[in-house]
Amino acid sequence: MIQVADTGVGISGQEGMQAVMASDFAISQFRH
């Protein structure tokens, strides 16, 4: 889903870093 979107944001967390590695931007928590 992140790779298909124009802009992808990955949240680093308990499920690992895969989303962060595939995203354009990375944040530590959703509130950011």
PDB file of all heavy atoms in Angstrom:
ATOM      1  N   MET A   1       0.842  -1.201   0.000  1.00  0.00           N
ATOM      2  CA  MET A   1       0.000   0.000   0.000  1.00  0.00           C
ATOM      3  C   MET A   1       0.877   1.251   0.000  1.00  0.00           C
ATOM      4  O   MET A   1       0.607   2.206  -0.744  1.00  0.00           O
ATOM      5  CB  MET A   1      -0.910  -0.009   1.222  1.00  0.00           C
ATOM      6  CG  MET A   1      -1.676   1.258   1.458  1.00  0.00           C
ATOM      7  SD  MET A   1      -2.640   1.245   2.966  1.00  0.00           S
ATOM      8  CE  MET A   1      -1.370   1.203   4.215  1.00  0.00           C
ATOM      9  N   ILE A   2       1.937   1.255   0.786  1.00  0.00           N
ATOM     10  CA  ILE A   2       2.838   2.404   0.870  1.00  0.00           C
ATOM     11  C   ILE A   2       3.546   2.633  -0.461  1.00  0.00           C
ATOM     12  O   ILE A   2       3.723   3.761  -0.900  1.00  0.00           O
ATOM     13  CB  ILE A   2       3.839   2.202   2.029  1.00  0.00           C
ATOM     14  CG1 ILE A   2       3.120   2.336   3.368  1.00  0.00           C
ATOM     15  CG2 ILE A   2       4.999   3.169   1.941  1.00  0.00           C
ATOM     16  CD1 ILE A   2       3.968   1.973   4.564  1.00  0.00           C
ATOM     17  N   GLN A   3       3.924   1.554  -1.121  1.00  0.00           N
ATOM     18  CA  GLN A   3       4.630   1.683  -2.390  1.00  0.00           C
ATOM     19  C   GLN A   3       3.736   2.144  -3.526  1.00  0.00           C
ATOM     20  O   GLN A   3       4.186   2.811  -4.445  1.00  0.00           O
ATOM     21  CB  GLN A   3       5.296   0.357  -2.753  1.00  0.00           C
ATOM     22  CG  GLN A   3       6.461   0.023  -1.854  1.00  0.00           C
ATOM     23  CD  GLN A   3       7.057  -1.335  -2.143  1.00  0.00           C
ATOM     24  OE1 GLN A   3       6.405  -2.197  -2.718  1.00  0.00           O
ATOM     25  NE2 GLN A   3       8.306  -1.522  -1.721  1.00  0.00           N
ATOM     26  N   VAL A   4       2.447   1.829  -3.468  1.00  0.00           N
ATOM     27  CA  VAL A   4       1.509   2.234  -4.523  1.00  0.00           C
ATOM     28  C   VAL A   4       1.125   3.706  -4.380  1.00  0.00           C
ATOM     29  O   VAL A   4       0.915   4.391  -5.379  1.00  0.00           O
ATOM     30  CB  VAL A   4       0.249   1.335  -4.495  1.00  0.00           C
ATOM     31  CG1 VAL A   4      -0.859   1.899  -5.345  1.00  0.00           C
ATOM     32  CG2 VAL A   4       0.601  -0.052  -4.947  1.00  0.00           C
ATOM     33  N   ALA A   5       1.079   4.205  -3.158  1.00  0.00           N
ATOM     34  CA  ALA A   5       0.642   5.582  -2.914  1.00  0.00           C
ATOM     35  C   ALA A   5       1.654   6.585  -3.451  1.00  0.00           C
ATOM     36  O   ALA A   5       2.832   6.273  -3.650  1.00  0.00           O
ATOM     37  CB  ALA A   5       0.436   5.797  -1.417  1.00  0.00           C
ATOM     38  N   ASP A   6       1.177   7.799  -3.698  1.00  0.00           N
ATOM     39  CA  ASP A   6       2.078   8.860  -4.139  1.00  0.00           C
ATOM     40  C   ASP A   6       3.097   9.193  -3.058  1.00  0.00           C
ATOM     41  O   ASP A   6       4.265   9.430  -3.348  1.00  0.00           O
ATOM     42  CB  ASP A   6       1.276  10.119  -4.490  1.00  0.00           C
ATOM     43  CG  ASP A   6       0.411   9.904  -5.719  1.00  0.00           C
ATOM     44  OD1 ASP A   6       0.929   9.381  -6.720  1.00  0.00           O
ATOM     45  OD2 ASP A   6      -0.779  10.251  -5.668  1.00  0.00           O
ATOM     46  N   THR A   7       2.641   9.245  -1.825  1.00  0.00           N
ATOM     47  CA  THR A   7       3.525   9.496  -0.688  1.00  0.00           C
ATOM     48  C   THR A   7       3.249   8.435   0.355  1.00  0.00           C
ATOM     49  O   THR A   7       2.109   8.218   0.746  1.00  0.00           O
ATOM     50  CB  THR A   7       3.276  10.888  -0.083  1.00  0.00           C
ATOM     51  OG1 THR A   7       3.417  11.869  -1.109  1.00  0.00           O
ATOM     52  CG2 THR A   7       4.252  11.183   1.032  1.00  0.00           C
ATOM     53  N   GLY A   8       4.294   7.788   0.821  1.00  0.00           N
ATOM     54  CA  GLY A   8       4.158   6.757   1.833  1.00  0.00           C
ATOM     55  C   GLY A   8       4.833   7.169   3.125  1.00  0.00           C
ATOM     56  O   GLY A   8       5.941   7.698   3.119  1.00  0.00           O
ATOM     57  N   VAL A   9       4.137   6.935   4.224  1.00  0.00           N
ATOM     58  CA  VAL A   9       4.673   7.247   5.550  1.00  0.00           C
ATOM     59  C   VAL A   9       4.703   5.956   6.345  1.00  0.00           C
ATOM     60  O   VAL A   9       3.682   5.289   6.489  1.00  0.00           O
ATOM     61  CB  VAL A   9       3.811   8.308   6.273  1.00  0.00           C
ATOM     62  CG1 VAL A   9       4.337   8.565   7.671  1.00  0.00           C
ATOM     63  CG2 VAL A   9       3.768   9.599   5.480  1.00  0.00           C
ATOM     64  N   GLY A  10       5.872   5.618   6.850  1.00  0.00           N
ATOM     65  CA  GLY A  10       6.030   4.428   7.665  1.00  0.00           C
ATOM     66  C   GLY A  10       6.176   4.802   9.121  1.00  0.00           C
ATOM     67  O   GLY A  10       6.869   5.763   9.465  1.00  0.00           O
ATOM     68  N   ILE A  11       5.531   4.038   9.981  1.00  0.00           N
ATOM     69  CA  ILE A  11       5.624   4.253  11.422  1.00  0.00           C
ATOM     70  C   ILE A  11       6.466   3.131  11.997  1.00  0.00           C
ATOM     71  O   ILE A  11       6.130   1.956  11.855  1.00  0.00           O
ATOM     72  CB  ILE A  11       4.221   4.273  12.070  1.00  0.00           C
ATOM     73  CG1 ILE A  11       3.357   5.356  11.437  1.00  0.00           C
ATOM     74  CG2 ILE A  11       4.337   4.476  13.575  1.00  0.00           C
ATOM     75  CD1 ILE A  11       1.917   5.341  11.885  1.00  0.00           C
ATOM     76  N   SER A  12       7.566   3.505  12.622  1.00  0.00           N
ATOM     77  CA  SER A  12       8.404   2.476  13.243  1.00  0.00           C
ATOM     78  C   SER A  12       7.758   2.057  14.557  1.00  0.00           C
ATOM     79  O   SER A  12       7.305   2.879  15.335  1.00  0.00           O
ATOM     80  CB  SER A  12       9.813   3.010  13.484  1.00  0.00           C
ATOM     81  OG  SER A  12       9.792   4.123  14.344  1.00  0.00           O
ATOM     82  N   GLY A  13       7.702   0.768  14.753  1.00  0.00           N
ATOM     83  CA  GLY A  13       7.024   0.299  15.952  1.00  0.00           C
ATOM     84  C   GLY A  13       7.271  -1.155  16.234  1.00  0.00           C
ATOM     85  O   GLY A  13       8.304  -1.720  15.867  1.00  0.00           O
ATOM     86  N   GLN A  14       6.279  -1.777  16.856  1.00  0.00           N
ATOM     87  CA  GLN A  14       6.408  -3.147  17.324  1.00  0.00           C
ATOM     88  C   GLN A  14       6.419  -4.163  16.193  1.00  0.00           C
ATOM     89  O   GLN A  14       6.953  -5.252  16.350  1.00  0.00           O
ATOM     90  CB  GLN A  14       5.258  -3.464  18.279  1.00  0.00           C
ATOM     91  CG  GLN A  14       5.266  -2.616  19.519  1.00  0.00           C
ATOM     92  CD  GLN A  14       4.023  -2.821  20.359  1.00  0.00           C
ATOM     93  OE1 GLN A  14       3.039  -3.355  19.893  1.00  0.00           O
ATOM     94  NE2 GLN A  14       4.086  -2.380  21.606  1.00  0.00           N
ATOM     95  N   GLU A  15       5.836  -3.827  15.063  1.00  0.00           N
ATOM     96  CA  GLU A  15       5.731  -4.799  13.978  1.00  0.00           C
ATOM     97  C   GLU A  15       6.974  -4.837  13.097  1.00  0.00           C
ATOM     98  O   GLU A  15       6.997  -5.533  12.092  1.00  0.00           O
ATOM     99  CB  GLU A  15       4.499  -4.488  13.130  1.00  0.00           C
ATOM    100  CG  GLU A  15       3.205  -4.731  13.861  1.00  0.00           C
ATOM    101  CD  GLU A  15       2.011  -4.651  12.929  1.00  0.00           C
ATOM    102  OE1 GLU A  15       2.146  -5.056  11.764  1.00  0.00           O
ATOM    103  OE2 GLU A  15       0.966  -4.179  13.378  1.00  0.00           O
ATOM    104  N   GLY A  16       7.987  -4.065  13.414  1.00  0.00           N
ATOM    105  CA  GLY A  16       9.220  -4.101  12.643  1.00  0.00           C
ATOM    106  C   GLY A  16       9.420  -2.849  11.818  1.00  0.00           C
ATOM    107  O   GLY A  16       8.703  -1.869  11.947  1.00  0.00           O
ATOM    108  N   MET A  17      10.433  -2.917  10.964  1.00  0.00           N
ATOM    109  CA  MET A  17      10.836  -1.750  10.190  1.00  0.00           C
ATOM    110  C   MET A  17      10.534  -1.882   8.698  1.00  0.00           C
ATOM    111  O   MET A  17      11.009  -1.080   7.911  1.00  0.00           O
ATOM    112  CB  MET A  17      12.347  -1.529  10.377  1.00  0.00           C
ATOM    113  CG  MET A  17      12.754  -1.214  11.803  1.00  0.00           C
ATOM    114  SD  MET A  17      12.120   0.369  12.373  1.00  0.00           S
ATOM    115  CE  MET A  17      13.184   1.460  11.468  1.00  0.00           C
ATOM    116  N   GLN A  18       9.759  -2.867   8.278  1.00  0.00           N
ATOM    117  CA  GLN A  18       9.503  -3.063   6.852  1.00  0.00           C
ATOM    118  C   GLN A  18       8.776  -1.862   6.244  1.00  0.00           C
ATOM    119  O   GLN A  18       9.089  -1.431   5.142  1.00  0.00           O
ATOM    120  CB  GLN A  18       8.695  -4.341   6.600  1.00  0.00           C
ATOM    121  CG  GLN A  18       9.453  -5.605   6.858  1.00  0.00           C
ATOM    122  CD  GLN A  18       9.282  -6.097   8.292  1.00  0.00           C
ATOM    123  OE1 GLN A  18       8.756  -5.396   9.141  1.00  0.00           O
ATOM    124  NE2 GLN A  18       9.734  -7.301   8.557  1.00  0.00           N
ATOM    125  N   ALA A  19       7.776  -1.341   6.928  1.00  0.00           N
ATOM    126  CA  ALA A  19       7.020  -0.200   6.408  1.00  0.00           C
ATOM    127  C   ALA A  19       7.904   1.040   6.327  1.00  0.00           C
ATOM    128  O   ALA A  19       7.806   1.810   5.369  1.00  0.00           O
ATOM    129  CB  ALA A  19       5.802   0.076   7.292  1.00  0.00           C
ATOM    130  N   VAL A  20       8.772   1.209   7.294  1.00  0.00           N
ATOM    131  CA  VAL A  20       9.668   2.359   7.295  1.00  0.00           C
ATOM    132  C   VAL A  20      10.646   2.274   6.132  1.00  0.00           C
ATOM    133  O   VAL A  20      10.926   3.263   5.453  1.00  0.00           O
ATOM    134  CB  VAL A  20      10.420   2.462   8.641  1.00  0.00           C
ATOM    135  CG1 VAL A  20      11.512   3.498   8.588  1.00  0.00           C
ATOM    136  CG2 VAL A  20       9.445   2.780   9.758  1.00  0.00           C
ATOM    137  N   MET A  21      11.148   1.077   5.869  1.00  0.00           N
ATOM    138  CA  MET A  21      12.115   0.901   4.788  1.00  0.00           C
ATOM    139  C   MET A  21      11.480   1.125   3.407  1.00  0.00           C
ATOM    140  O   MET A  21      12.162   1.526   2.470  1.00  0.00           O
ATOM    141  CB  MET A  21      12.728  -0.501   4.850  1.00  0.00           C
ATOM    142  CG  MET A  21      13.488  -0.779   6.132  1.00  0.00           C
ATOM    143  SD  MET A  21      14.843   0.346   6.398  1.00  0.00           S
ATOM    144  CE  MET A  21      16.027  -0.350   5.301  1.00  0.00           C
ATOM    145  N   ALA A  22      10.188   0.897   3.276  1.00  0.00           N
ATOM    146  CA  ALA A  22       9.504   1.057   1.990  1.00  0.00           C
ATOM    147  C   ALA A  22       8.896   2.443   1.808  1.00  0.00           C
ATOM    148  O   ALA A  22       8.394   2.753   0.732  1.00  0.00           O
ATOM    149  CB  ALA A  22       8.403   0.007   1.861  1.00  0.00           C
ATOM    150  N   SER A  23       8.941   3.283   2.821  1.00  0.00           N
ATOM    151  CA  SER A  23       8.225   4.557   2.786  1.00  0.00           C
ATOM    152  C   SER A  23       9.102   5.713   2.329  1.00  0.00           C
ATOM    153  O   SER A  23      10.326   5.617   2.289  1.00  0.00           O
ATOM    154  CB  SER A  23       7.663   4.860   4.179  1.00  0.00           C
ATOM    155  OG  SER A  23       8.727   5.071   5.081  1.00  0.00           O
ATOM    156  N   ASP A  24       8.431   6.813   2.014  1.00  0.00           N
ATOM    157  CA  ASP A  24       9.123   8.053   1.670  1.00  0.00           C
ATOM    158  C   ASP A  24       9.546   8.812   2.916  1.00  0.00           C
ATOM    159  O   ASP A  24      10.589   9.457   2.933  1.00  0.00           O
ATOM    160  CB  ASP A  24       8.215   8.948   0.816  1.00  0.00           C
ATOM    161  CG  ASP A  24       7.798   8.282  -0.476  1.00  0.00           C
ATOM    162  OD1 ASP A  24       8.672   7.728  -1.156  1.00  0.00           O
ATOM    163  OD2 ASP A  24       6.595   8.307  -0.795  1.00  0.00           O
ATOM    164  N   PHE A  25       8.706   8.753   3.937  1.00  0.00           N
ATOM    165  CA  PHE A  25       8.971   9.425   5.202  1.00  0.00           C
ATOM    166  C   PHE A  25       8.740   8.432   6.333  1.00  0.00           C
ATOM    167  O   PHE A  25       7.880   7.562   6.224  1.00  0.00           O
ATOM    168  CB  PHE A  25       8.038  10.633   5.392  1.00  0.00           C
ATOM    169  CG  PHE A  25       8.207  11.692   4.346  1.00  0.00           C
ATOM    170  CD1 PHE A  25       7.347  11.750   3.264  1.00  0.00           C
ATOM    171  CD2 PHE A  25       9.222  12.619   4.421  1.00  0.00           C
ATOM    172  CE1 PHE A  25       7.497  12.708   2.284  1.00  0.00           C
ATOM    173  CE2 PHE A  25       9.385  13.583   3.451  1.00  0.00           C
ATOM    174  CZ  PHE A  25       8.519  13.628   2.374  1.00  0.00           C
ATOM    175  N   ALA A  26       9.468   8.611   7.413  1.00  0.00           N
ATOM    176  CA  ALA A  26       9.314   7.740   8.575  1.00  0.00           C
ATOM    177  C   ALA A  26       9.069   8.590   9.811  1.00  0.00           C
ATOM    178  O   ALA A  26       9.706   9.628   9.999  1.00  0.00           O
ATOM    179  CB  ALA A  26      10.556   6.890   8.767  1.00  0.00           C
ATOM    180  N   ILE A  27       8.129   8.151  10.619  1.00  0.00           N
ATOM    181  CA  ILE A  27       7.852   8.803  11.896  1.00  0.00           C
ATOM    182  C   ILE A  27       7.837   7.740  12.976  1.00  0.00           C
ATOM    183  O   ILE A  27       7.668   6.555  12.692  1.00  0.00           O
ATOM    184  CB  ILE A  27       6.522   9.593  11.868  1.00  0.00           C
ATOM    185  CG1 ILE A  27       5.354   8.709  11.432  1.00  0.00           C
ATOM    186  CG2 ILE A  27       6.637  10.805  10.967  1.00  0.00           C
ATOM    187  CD1 ILE A  27       4.003   9.415  11.442  1.00  0.00           C
ATOM    188  N   SER A  28       8.022   8.171  14.210  1.00  0.00           N
ATOM    189  CA  SER A  28       8.085   7.192  15.291  1.00  0.00           C
ATOM    190  C   SER A  28       6.717   6.874  15.877  1.00  0.00           C
ATOM    191  O   SER A  28       6.508   5.775  16.385  1.00  0.00           O
ATOM    192  CB  SER A  28       9.015   7.700  16.400  1.00  0.00           C
ATOM    193  OG  SER A  28       8.526   8.919  16.919  1.00  0.00           O
ATOM    194  N   GLN A  29       5.794   7.831  15.824  1.00  0.00           N
ATOM    195  CA  GLN A  29       4.445   7.619  16.351  1.00  0.00           C
ATOM    196  C   GLN A  29       3.434   8.276  15.413  1.00  0.00           C
ATOM    197  O   GLN A  29       3.748   9.245  14.716  1.00  0.00           O
ATOM    198  CB  GLN A  29       4.304   8.223  17.746  1.00  0.00           C
ATOM    199  CG  GLN A  29       5.178   7.559  18.779  1.00  0.00           C
ATOM    200  CD  GLN A  29       5.075   8.237  20.134  1.00  0.00           C
ATOM    201  OE1 GLN A  29       4.515   9.319  20.263  1.00  0.00           O
ATOM    202  NE2 GLN A  29       5.612   7.586  21.150  1.00  0.00           N
ATOM    203  N   PHE A  30       2.223   7.768  15.444  1.00  0.00           N
ATOM    204  CA  PHE A  30       1.177   8.274  14.558  1.00  0.00           C
ATOM    205  C   PHE A  30       0.857   9.737  14.830  1.00  0.00           C
ATOM    206  O   PHE A  30       0.506  10.479  13.918  1.00  0.00           O
ATOM    207  CB  PHE A  30      -0.093   7.420  14.707  1.00  0.00           C
ATOM    208  CG  PHE A  30      -1.143   7.737  13.683  1.00  0.00           C
ATOM    209  CD1 PHE A  30      -1.027   7.266  12.385  1.00  0.00           C
ATOM    210  CD2 PHE A  30      -2.242   8.516  14.009  1.00  0.00           C
ATOM    211  CE1 PHE A  30      -1.988   7.562  11.428  1.00  0.00           C
ATOM    212  CE2 PHE A  30      -3.205   8.809  13.064  1.00  0.00           C
ATOM    213  CZ  PHE A  30      -3.079   8.333  11.774  1.00  0.00           C
ATOM    214  N   ARG A  31       1.017  10.179  16.049  1.00  0.00           N
ATOM    215  CA  ARG A  31       0.679  11.560  16.391  1.00  0.00           C
ATOM    216  C   ARG A  31       1.594  12.577  15.712  1.00  0.00           C
ATOM    217  O   ARG A  31       1.256  13.748  15.606  1.00  0.00           O
ATOM    218  CB  ARG A  31       0.691  11.762  17.902  1.00  0.00           C
ATOM    219  CG  ARG A  31       2.036  11.598  18.551  1.00  0.00           C
ATOM    220  CD  ARG A  31       1.912  11.705  20.075  1.00  0.00           C
ATOM    221  NE  ARG A  31       3.163  11.365  20.701  1.00  0.00           N
ATOM    222  CZ  ARG A  31       3.993  12.268  21.211  1.00  0.00           C
ATOM    223  NH1 ARG A  31       3.668  13.541  21.183  1.00  0.00           N
ATOM    224  NH2 ARG A  31       5.124  11.888  21.757  1.00  0.00           N
ATOM    225  N   HIS A  32       2.744  12.143  15.212  1.00  0.00           N
ATOM    226  CA  HIS A  32       3.661  13.043  14.517  1.00  0.00           C
ATOM    227  C   HIS A  32       3.232  13.285  13.063  1.00  0.00           C
ATOM    228  O   HIS A  32       3.819  14.134  12.388  1.00  0.00           O
ATOM    229  CB  HIS A  32       5.081  12.488  14.539  1.00  0.00           C
ATOM    230  CG  HIS A  32       5.642  12.347  15.917  1.00  0.00           C
ATOM    231  ND1 HIS A  32       5.715  13.397  16.806  1.00  0.00           N
ATOM    232  CD2 HIS A  32       6.162  11.277  16.558  1.00  0.00           C
ATOM    233  CE1 HIS A  32       6.252  12.981  17.934  1.00  0.00           C
ATOM    234  NE2 HIS A  32       6.526  11.691  17.809  1.00  0.00           N
TER     235      HIS A  32
END
